Amino acid sequence: MIGLIFGETDFPKYIYRKIKDKKKYLIIDLTKKKYFKRDKYSHSVSVGQFGKIVSILKENKCKEVLFAGKVQKPDFDNIKLDFKGVYYIPRIIKKSKLGDAALLKEIINILKNEKIKTISSIRFTPELSLSKGNYSKYKPNKKDKVDISNALRALNKTGQYTHVQGAISRNNLVILENQEGTRKMFNRIKKLKKVERGVLVKFPKKKQDFRIDLPTVGLNTLRQCKALGLKGVVLKHKRNIFMDKKKSIHFANKNKMFIFVK
């Protein structure tokens, strides 16, 4: 029995479709719209109900859990807590101030204290994680490589527990992702004058636990890059989740963009 702790995005839905008829599971559904409520093995739970989450897992003899999808950082002033939630919340709040990476690592430690092991989010979907190489007809040229280096340099300067996973670099200007995510980063760069250059680099956080919250891109990401005039996307070897791979590669080739993995 595996416990699937699911948040937003399409990644949890992909995992669900792949394993629902092949493995015993239960779902801890943390999505706002309760995407998995029709599944009889799904449990809708608030992120602050640690006691309920642990009880569900233990009652169903789940010794392993898998995290997938985004879970919004809770409003700690208004969060609903159960008894175990009250016990653990001081640790959660303390770590959340360091950043998302620290918060997620603390949640993993809490589950470990409860004798529940966290496994890699891509355990059942290794095909979604790309290895080193160029996946499109087009490759980064010299100017693109300068943009890639600038983006990586900026990402490496961020705090060790920061939420930053992405950077857009062009014309010696780098815009970093913030806690609001990649979409908001795209919106910020829309305000700048469009030029036919630049790259999106998506790398894991510095102190990231690679079992969870890997940078995720897909067809919609490529479409947004194209709309901004960006020339391609750069990912880290086996530290990524790439949705809609075939459609994305086709889109990149059609629009003379690159998909490059370092």
C-alpha atoms as a PDB file:
ATOM      1  CA  MET A   1       0.000   0.000   0.000  1.00  0.00           C
ATOM      2  CA  ILE A   2       1.353   3.398  -1.040  1.00  0.00           C
ATOM      3  CA  GLY A   3       0.079   6.726   0.265  1.00  0.00           C
ATOM      4  CA  LEU A   4      -0.237   9.317  -2.500  1.00  0.00           C
ATOM      5  CA  ILE A   5      -0.133  12.849  -1.101  1.00  0.00           C
ATOM      6  CA  PHE A   6      -1.440  14.913  -3.986  1.00  0.00           C
ATOM      7  CA  GLY A   7      -1.479  18.665  -4.587  1.00  0.00           C
ATOM      8  CA  GLU A   8      -2.205  20.819  -7.641  1.00  0.00           C
ATOM      9  CA  THR A   9      -0.819  20.487 -11.241  1.00  0.00           C
ATOM     10  CA  ASP A  10      -1.203  17.686 -13.782  1.00  0.00           C
ATOM     11  CA  PHE A  11       1.619  15.560 -12.387  1.00  0.00           C
ATOM     12  CA  PRO A  12      -0.510  13.851  -9.688  1.00  0.00           C
ATOM     13  CA  LYS A  13      -3.169  13.060 -12.299  1.00  0.00           C
ATOM     14  CA  TYR A  14      -0.523  11.391 -14.481  1.00  0.00           C
ATOM     15  CA  ILE A  15       0.699   9.249 -11.580  1.00  0.00           C
ATOM     16  CA  TYR A  16      -2.874   8.352 -10.683  1.00  0.00           C
ATOM     17  CA  ARG A  17      -3.735   7.196 -14.205  1.00  0.00           C
ATOM     18  CA  LYS A  18      -0.576   5.104 -14.383  1.00  0.00           C
ATOM     19  CA  ILE A  19      -0.849   3.170 -11.136  1.00  0.00           C
ATOM     20  CA  LYS A  20      -4.555   3.060 -10.195  1.00  0.00           C
ATOM     21  CA  ASP A  21      -5.092  -0.386 -11.721  1.00  0.00           C
ATOM     22  CA  LYS A  22      -1.640  -1.752 -10.911  1.00  0.00           C
ATOM     23  CA  LYS A  23      -0.947  -1.044  -7.242  1.00  0.00           C
ATOM     24  CA  LYS A  24      -2.751  -0.714  -3.929  1.00  0.00           C
ATOM     25  CA  TYR A  25      -2.933   2.924  -2.909  1.00  0.00           C
ATOM     26  CA  LEU A  26      -4.786   5.584  -1.019  1.00  0.00           C
ATOM     27  CA  ILE A  27      -4.877   9.297  -1.754  1.00  0.00           C
ATOM     28  CA  ILE A  28      -4.462  12.201   0.635  1.00  0.00           C
ATOM     29  CA  ASP A  29      -6.126  14.882  -1.461  1.00  0.00           C
ATOM     30  CA  LEU A  30      -4.779  18.354  -0.579  1.00  0.00           C
ATOM     31  CA  THR A  31      -6.107  20.064  -3.729  1.00  0.00           C
ATOM     32  CA  LYS A  32      -8.464  23.008  -3.369  1.00  0.00           C
ATOM     33  CA  LYS A  33     -11.019  21.561  -5.782  1.00  0.00           C
ATOM     34  CA  LYS A  34     -10.645  18.003  -4.461  1.00  0.00           C
ATOM     35  CA  TYR A  35      -9.753  16.535  -7.851  1.00  0.00           C
ATOM     36  CA  PHE A  36      -9.711  12.948  -6.599  1.00  0.00           C
ATOM     37  CA  LYS A  37     -12.948  12.933  -4.580  1.00  0.00           C
ATOM     38  CA  ARG A  38     -14.604  10.388  -6.881  1.00  0.00           C
ATOM     39  CA  ASP A  39     -12.018   7.750  -6.056  1.00  0.00           C
ATOM     40  CA  LYS A  40     -13.231   5.580  -3.173  1.00  0.00           C
ATOM     41  CA  TYR A  41      -9.694   5.453  -1.782  1.00  0.00           C
ATOM     42  CA  SER A  42      -9.343   9.236  -1.656  1.00  0.00           C
ATOM     43  CA  HIS A  43      -9.392  11.252   1.560  1.00  0.00           C
ATOM     44  CA  SER A  44      -9.877  15.026   1.480  1.00  0.00           C
ATOM     45  CA  VAL A  45      -7.728  16.489   4.247  1.00  0.00           C
ATOM     46  CA  SER A  46      -6.520  19.917   5.331  1.00  0.00           C
ATOM     47  CA  VAL A  47      -2.740  20.380   5.321  1.00  0.00           C
ATOM     48  CA  GLY A  48      -2.904  21.197   9.060  1.00  0.00           C
ATOM     49  CA  GLN A  49      -4.581  17.927  10.017  1.00  0.00           C
ATOM     50  CA  PHE A  50      -1.384  15.977  10.615  1.00  0.00           C
ATOM     51  CA  GLY A  51      -3.082  13.657  13.058  1.00  0.00           C
ATOM     52  CA  LYS A  52      -5.756  12.700  10.559  1.00  0.00           C
ATOM     53  CA  ILE A  53      -3.201  12.242   7.767  1.00  0.00           C
ATOM     54  CA  VAL A  54      -0.990  10.008   9.913  1.00  0.00           C
ATOM     55  CA  SER A  55      -3.999   8.042  11.188  1.00  0.00           C
ATOM     56  CA  ILE A  56      -5.278   7.376   7.667  1.00  0.00           C
ATOM     57  CA  LEU A  57      -1.854   6.186   6.560  1.00  0.00           C
ATOM     58  CA  LYS A  58      -1.324   3.939   9.589  1.00  0.00           C
ATOM     59  CA  GLU A  59      -4.853   2.499   9.568  1.00  0.00           C
ATOM     60  CA  ASN A  60      -4.257   1.434   5.980  1.00  0.00           C
ATOM     61  CA  LYS A  61      -0.762   0.094   6.771  1.00  0.00           C
ATOM     62  CA  CYS A  62       0.957   2.624   4.521  1.00  0.00           C
ATOM     63  CA  LYS A  63       4.638   2.637   5.322  1.00  0.00           C
ATOM     64  CA  GLU A  64       5.576   4.704   2.278  1.00  0.00           C
ATOM     65  CA  VAL A  65       4.254   7.957   0.831  1.00  0.00           C
ATOM     66  CA  LEU A  66       4.814   9.815  -2.392  1.00  0.00           C
ATOM     67  CA  PHE A  67       4.404  13.590  -2.716  1.00  0.00           C
ATOM     68  CA  ALA A  68       3.313  15.058  -6.066  1.00  0.00           C
ATOM     69  CA  GLY A  69       1.955  18.444  -7.104  1.00  0.00           C
ATOM     70  CA  LYS A  70       2.042  21.849  -5.514  1.00  0.00           C
ATOM     71  CA  VAL A  71       0.623  22.491  -2.070  1.00  0.00           C
ATOM     72  CA  GLN A  72       0.093  26.140  -1.206  1.00  0.00           C
ATOM     73  CA  LYS A  73       1.816  27.279   1.957  1.00  0.00           C
ATOM     74  CA  PRO A  74      -1.012  27.541   4.510  1.00  0.00           C
ATOM     75  CA  ASP A  75      -2.184  30.696   6.223  1.00  0.00           C
ATOM     76  CA  PHE A  76      -0.881  29.812   9.663  1.00  0.00           C
ATOM     77  CA  ASP A  77      -3.197  32.306  11.371  1.00  0.00           C
ATOM     78  CA  ASN A  78      -6.336  30.632   9.995  1.00  0.00           C
ATOM     79  CA  ILE A  79      -5.245  27.033   9.437  1.00  0.00           C
ATOM     80  CA  LYS A  80      -7.421  24.302  10.949  1.00  0.00           C
ATOM     81  CA  LEU A  81      -5.342  22.110  13.244  1.00  0.00           C
ATOM     82  CA  ASP A  82      -5.997  18.809  14.954  1.00  0.00           C
ATOM     83  CA  PHE A  83      -4.142  17.637  18.075  1.00  0.00           C
ATOM     84  CA  LYS A  84      -1.059  16.413  16.224  1.00  0.00           C
ATOM     85  CA  GLY A  85      -1.164  19.543  14.089  1.00  0.00           C
ATOM     86  CA  VAL A  86      -0.944  21.699  17.222  1.00  0.00           C
ATOM     87  CA  TYR A  87       2.042  19.617  18.362  1.00  0.00           C
ATOM     88  CA  TYR A  88       3.923  19.953  15.090  1.00  0.00           C
ATOM     89  CA  ILE A  89       2.939  23.457  13.955  1.00  0.00           C
ATOM     90  CA  PRO A  90       5.746  25.360  15.792  1.00  0.00           C
ATOM     91  CA  ARG A  91       8.318  23.310  13.848  1.00  0.00           C
ATOM     92  CA  ILE A  92       6.438  23.859  10.607  1.00  0.00           C
ATOM     93  CA  ILE A  93       6.218  27.633  11.064  1.00  0.00           C
ATOM     94  CA  LYS A  94       9.891  27.888  12.025  1.00  0.00           C
ATOM     95  CA  LYS A  95      11.029  25.994   8.924  1.00  0.00           C
ATOM     96  CA  SER A  96       8.602  27.792   6.605  1.00  0.00           C
ATOM     97  CA  LYS A  97      10.416  31.059   7.360  1.00  0.00           C
ATOM     98  CA  LEU A  98      13.554  29.575   5.781  1.00  0.00           C
ATOM     99  CA  GLY A  99      11.707  28.747   2.562  1.00  0.00           C
ATOM    100  CA  ASP A 100       9.724  26.031   0.799  1.00  0.00           C
ATOM    101  CA  ALA A 101      12.634  23.574   0.645  1.00  0.00           C
ATOM    102  CA  ALA A 102      13.072  23.688   4.424  1.00  0.00           C
ATOM    103  CA  LEU A 103       9.312  23.381   4.979  1.00  0.00           C
ATOM    104  CA  LEU A 104       9.000  20.285   2.798  1.00  0.00           C
ATOM    105  CA  LYS A 105      12.027  18.681   4.410  1.00  0.00           C
ATOM    106  CA  GLU A 106      10.479  19.214   7.844  1.00  0.00           C
ATOM    107  CA  ILE A 107       7.235  17.532   6.755  1.00  0.00           C
ATOM    108  CA  ILE A 108       9.296  14.548   5.559  1.00  0.00           C
ATOM    109  CA  ASN A 109      11.039  14.457   8.954  1.00  0.00           C
ATOM    110  CA  ILE A 110       7.685  14.511  10.752  1.00  0.00           C
ATOM    111  CA  LEU A 111       6.471  11.538   8.726  1.00  0.00           C
ATOM    112  CA  LYS A 112       9.770   9.785   9.410  1.00  0.00           C
ATOM    113  CA  ASN A 113       9.151  10.256  13.138  1.00  0.00           C
ATOM    114  CA  GLU A 114       5.852   8.483  12.571  1.00  0.00           C
ATOM    115  CA  LYS A 115       7.687   5.568  10.874  1.00  0.00           C
ATOM    116  CA  ILE A 116       6.483   6.583   7.401  1.00  0.00           C
ATOM    117  CA  LYS A 117       9.064   6.754   4.608  1.00  0.00           C
ATOM    118  CA  THR A 118       8.928   9.271   1.743  1.00  0.00           C
ATOM    119  CA  ILE A 119       9.855   7.862  -1.672  1.00  0.00           C
ATOM    120  CA  SER A 120      10.750   9.651  -4.899  1.00  0.00           C
ATOM    121  CA  SER A 121       7.891  11.384  -6.699  1.00  0.00           C
ATOM    122  CA  ILE A 122       9.060   9.763  -9.947  1.00  0.00           C
ATOM    123  CA  ARG A 123       9.305   6.205  -8.569  1.00  0.00           C
ATOM    124  CA  PHE A 124       6.475   5.072 -10.860  1.00  0.00           C
ATOM    125  CA  THR A 125       7.036   7.580 -13.664  1.00  0.00           C
ATOM    126  CA  PRO A 126      10.778   7.605 -14.488  1.00  0.00           C
ATOM    127  CA  GLU A 127       9.943   8.331 -18.124  1.00  0.00           C
ATOM    128  CA  LEU A 128       9.042  11.900 -17.125  1.00  0.00           C
ATOM    129  CA  SER A 129      12.569  12.769 -16.020  1.00  0.00           C
ATOM    130  CA  LEU A 130      14.946  13.686 -18.853  1.00  0.00           C
ATOM    131  CA  SER A 131      18.655  12.820 -19.010  1.00  0.00           C
ATOM    132  CA  LYS A 132      21.463  14.994 -20.389  1.00  0.00           C
ATOM    133  CA  GLY A 133      21.131  15.957 -24.018  1.00  0.00           C
ATOM    134  CA  ASN A 134      19.304  18.076 -26.570  1.00  0.00           C
ATOM    135  CA  TYR A 135      15.743  16.967 -27.266  1.00  0.00           C
ATOM    136  CA  SER A 136      14.884  19.241 -30.180  1.00  0.00           C
ATOM    137  CA  LYS A 137      16.263  19.917 -33.663  1.00  0.00           C
ATOM    138  CA  TYR A 138      17.609  23.257 -32.483  1.00  0.00           C
ATOM    139  CA  LYS A 139      20.466  23.708 -29.999  1.00  0.00           C
ATOM    140  CA  PRO A 140      21.637  26.645 -27.870  1.00  0.00           C
ATOM    141  CA  ASN A 141      24.011  28.939 -29.767  1.00  0.00           C
ATOM    142  CA  LYS A 142      26.784  31.069 -28.243  1.00  0.00           C
ATOM    143  CA  LYS A 143      24.424  33.854 -27.145  1.00  0.00           C
ATOM    144  CA  ASP A 144      22.017  31.328 -25.653  1.00  0.00           C
ATOM    145  CA  LYS A 145      24.870  29.741 -23.700  1.00  0.00           C
ATOM    146  CA  VAL A 146      25.725  33.150 -22.233  1.00  0.00           C
ATOM    147  CA  ASP A 147      22.089  33.519 -21.125  1.00  0.00           C
ATOM    148  CA  ILE A 148      22.186  30.022 -19.612  1.00  0.00           C
ATOM    149  CA  SER A 149      25.384  30.822 -17.681  1.00  0.00           C
ATOM    150  CA  ASN A 150      23.903  34.080 -16.383  1.00  0.00           C
ATOM    151  CA  ALA A 151      20.763  32.316 -15.204  1.00  0.00           C
ATOM    152  CA  LEU A 152      22.687  29.562 -13.436  1.00  0.00           C
ATOM    153  CA  ARG A 153      24.975  32.115 -11.778  1.00  0.00           C
ATOM    154  CA  ALA A 154      21.928  33.977 -10.438  1.00  0.00           C
ATOM    155  CA  LEU A 155      20.273  30.774  -9.208  1.00  0.00           C
ATOM    156  CA  ASN A 156      23.464  29.737  -7.404  1.00  0.00           C
ATOM    157  CA  LYS A 157      23.485  33.026  -5.494  1.00  0.00           C
ATOM    158  CA  THR A 158      20.033  32.457  -4.014  1.00  0.00           C
ATOM    159  CA  GLY A 159      19.601  31.335  -0.416  1.00  0.00           C
ATOM    160  CA  GLN A 160      20.167  27.675   0.407  1.00  0.00           C
ATOM    161  CA  TYR A 161      16.546  27.058   1.429  1.00  0.00           C
ATOM    162  CA  THR A 162      14.955  29.404  -1.082  1.00  0.00           C
ATOM    163  CA  HIS A 163      11.842  28.628  -3.109  1.00  0.00           C
ATOM    164  CA  VAL A 164      13.601  29.701  -6.335  1.00  0.00           C
ATOM    165  CA  GLN A 165      13.612  27.004  -9.020  1.00  0.00           C
ATOM    166  CA  GLY A 166      13.534  29.081 -12.179  1.00  0.00           C
ATOM    167  CA  ALA A 167      15.164  32.020 -13.944  1.00  0.00           C
ATOM    168  CA  ILE A 168      14.614  33.811 -17.240  1.00  0.00           C
ATOM    169  CA  SER A 169      17.791  35.291 -18.700  1.00  0.00           C
ATOM    170  CA  ARG A 170      18.281  37.525 -21.731  1.00  0.00           C
ATOM    171  CA  ASN A 171      20.325  40.596 -22.669  1.00  0.00           C
ATOM    172  CA  ASN A 172      22.336  40.316 -19.395  1.00  0.00           C
ATOM    173  CA  LEU A 173      19.112  40.620 -17.392  1.00  0.00           C
ATOM    174  CA  VAL A 174      17.954  37.794 -15.120  1.00  0.00           C
ATOM    175  CA  ILE A 175      14.508  37.574 -13.548  1.00  0.00           C
ATOM    176  CA  LEU A 176      14.159  34.965 -10.794  1.00  0.00           C
ATOM    177  CA  GLU A 177      11.080  32.982  -9.907  1.00  0.00           C
ATOM    178  CA  ASN A 178       9.540  33.885  -6.557  1.00  0.00           C
ATOM    179  CA  GLN A 179       7.170  32.069  -4.218  1.00  0.00           C
ATOM    180  CA  GLU A 180       4.278  32.735  -6.607  1.00  0.00           C
ATOM    181  CA  GLY A 181       5.788  30.424  -9.225  1.00  0.00           C
ATOM    182  CA  THR A 182       6.773  30.354 -12.875  1.00  0.00           C
ATOM    183  CA  ARG A 183       3.556  31.854 -14.213  1.00  0.00           C
ATOM    184  CA  LYS A 184       4.050  35.064 -12.222  1.00  0.00           C
ATOM    185  CA  MET A 185       7.653  35.212 -13.441  1.00  0.00           C
ATOM    186  CA  PHE A 186       6.363  35.093 -17.023  1.00  0.00           C
ATOM    187  CA  ASN A 187       3.926  37.903 -16.238  1.00  0.00           C
ATOM    188  CA  ARG A 188       6.719  40.074 -14.876  1.00  0.00           C
ATOM    189  CA  ILE A 189       8.877  39.666 -17.960  1.00  0.00           C
ATOM    190  CA  LYS A 190       5.923  40.519 -20.226  1.00  0.00           C
ATOM    191  CA  LYS A 191       6.367  44.103 -19.068  1.00  0.00           C
ATOM    192  CA  LEU A 192       9.783  44.239 -20.704  1.00  0.00           C
ATOM    193  CA  LYS A 193      10.362  44.933 -24.379  1.00  0.00           C
ATOM    194  CA  LYS A 194      10.089  41.708 -26.381  1.00  0.00           C
ATOM    195  CA  VAL A 195      13.241  40.541 -28.122  1.00  0.00           C
ATOM    196  CA  GLU A 196      13.873  37.301 -29.964  1.00  0.00           C
ATOM    197  CA  ARG A 197      16.265  35.939 -27.364  1.00  0.00           C
ATOM    198  CA  GLY A 198      16.530  34.520 -23.908  1.00  0.00           C
ATOM    199  CA  VAL A 199      16.087  31.227 -22.068  1.00  0.00           C
ATOM    200  CA  LEU A 200      14.111  29.715 -19.231  1.00  0.00           C
ATOM    201  CA  VAL A 201      16.275  27.714 -16.815  1.00  0.00           C
ATOM    202  CA  LYS A 202      14.520  25.412 -14.330  1.00  0.00           C
ATOM    203  CA  PHE A 203      16.848  23.841 -11.751  1.00  0.00           C
ATOM    204  CA  PRO A 204      16.129  22.359  -8.305  1.00  0.00           C
ATOM    205  CA  LYS A 205      16.569  24.410  -5.172  1.00  0.00           C
ATOM    206  CA  LYS A 206      20.013  24.301  -3.553  1.00  0.00           C
ATOM    207  CA  LYS A 207      19.023  22.259  -0.505  1.00  0.00           C
ATOM    208  CA  GLN A 208      16.192  20.417  -2.220  1.00  0.00           C
ATOM    209  CA  ASP A 209      15.241  16.896  -1.265  1.00  0.00           C
ATOM    210  CA  PHE A 210      15.134  15.299  -4.707  1.00  0.00           C
ATOM    211  CA  ARG A 211      12.329  12.974  -3.695  1.00  0.00           C
ATOM    212  CA  ILE A 212       9.843  15.828  -3.900  1.00  0.00           C
ATOM    213  CA  ASP A 213       8.972  19.068  -5.703  1.00  0.00           C
ATOM    214  CA  LEU A 214      11.218  18.723  -8.749  1.00  0.00           C
ATOM    215  CA  PRO A 215      10.980  21.538 -11.336  1.00  0.00           C
ATOM    216  CA  THR A 216       8.113  20.740 -13.698  1.00  0.00           C
ATOM    217  CA  VAL A 217       7.657  21.936 -17.271  1.00  0.00           C
ATOM    218  CA  GLY A 218       5.461  20.943 -20.197  1.00  0.00           C
ATOM    219  CA  LEU A 219       3.689  22.084 -23.336  1.00  0.00           C
ATOM    220  CA  ASN A 220       2.131  25.112 -21.666  1.00  0.00           C
ATOM    221  CA  THR A 221       5.597  26.181 -20.480  1.00  0.00           C
ATOM    222  CA  LEU A 222       6.904  26.050 -24.057  1.00  0.00           C
ATOM    223  CA  ARG A 223       3.913  28.035 -25.296  1.00  0.00           C
ATOM    224  CA  GLN A 224       4.539  30.748 -22.721  1.00  0.00           C
ATOM    225  CA  CYS A 225       8.228  30.845 -23.647  1.00  0.00           C
ATOM    226  CA  LYS A 226       7.317  31.252 -27.315  1.00  0.00           C
ATOM    227  CA  ALA A 227       4.919  34.097 -26.513  1.00  0.00           C
ATOM    228  CA  LEU A 228       7.745  35.918 -24.734  1.00  0.00           C
ATOM    229  CA  GLY A 229      10.237  35.358 -27.537  1.00  0.00           C
ATOM    230  CA  LEU A 230      12.382  32.980 -25.491  1.00  0.00           C
ATOM    231  CA  LYS A 231      14.477  30.503 -27.467  1.00  0.00           C
ATOM    232  CA  GLY A 232      14.333  27.506 -25.211  1.00  0.00           C
ATOM    233  CA  VAL A 233      14.161  25.684 -21.894  1.00  0.00           C
ATOM    234  CA  VAL A 234      17.083  24.299 -19.875  1.00  0.00           C
ATOM    235  CA  LEU A 235      16.727  21.570 -17.235  1.00  0.00           C
ATOM    236  CA  LYS A 236      19.044  19.619 -14.934  1.00  0.00           C
ATOM    237  CA  HIS A 237      19.902  15.974 -15.640  1.00  0.00           C
ATOM    238  CA  LYS A 238      17.380  13.642 -13.954  1.00  0.00           C
ATOM    239  CA  ARG A 239      16.233  16.486 -11.699  1.00  0.00           C
ATOM    240  CA  ASN A 240      13.110  17.429 -13.628  1.00  0.00           C
ATOM    241  CA  ILE A 241       9.573  16.409 -14.497  1.00  0.00           C
ATOM    242  CA  PHE A 242       8.663  16.906 -18.146  1.00  0.00           C
ATOM    243  CA  MET A 243       4.981  16.591 -18.982  1.00  0.00           C
ATOM    244  CA  ASP A 244       3.593  16.251 -22.541  1.00  0.00           C
ATOM    245  CA  LYS A 245       7.063  15.351 -23.837  1.00  0.00           C
ATOM    246  CA  LYS A 246       6.134  14.400 -27.417  1.00  0.00           C
ATOM    247  CA  LYS A 247       3.849  17.400 -27.905  1.00  0.00           C
ATOM    248  CA  SER A 248       6.431  19.715 -26.346  1.00  0.00           C
ATOM    249  CA  ILE A 249       9.243  18.480 -28.593  1.00  0.00           C
ATOM    250  CA  HIS A 250       7.005  18.854 -31.654  1.00  0.00           C
ATOM    251  CA  PHE A 251       6.109  22.398 -30.574  1.00  0.00           C
ATOM    252  CA  ALA A 252       9.771  23.276 -29.981  1.00  0.00           C
ATOM    253  CA  ASN A 253      10.805  21.981 -33.411  1.00  0.00           C
ATOM    254  CA  LYS A 254       7.952  23.774 -35.143  1.00  0.00           C
ATOM    255  CA  ASN A 255       8.859  27.069 -33.483  1.00  0.00           C
ATOM    256  CA  LYS A 256      12.658  26.753 -33.732  1.00  0.00           C
ATOM    257  CA  MET A 257      13.128  26.413 -29.987  1.00  0.00           C
ATOM    258  CA  PHE A 258      15.402  24.132 -27.978  1.00  0.00           C
ATOM    259  CA  ILE A 259      14.878  21.767 -25.053  1.00  0.00           C
ATOM    260  CA  PHE A 260      18.275  21.243 -23.429  1.00  0.00           C
ATOM    261  CA  VAL A 261      19.223  19.185 -20.368  1.00  0.00           C
ATOM    262  CA  LYS A 262      22.586  19.820 -18.639  1.00  0.00           C
END
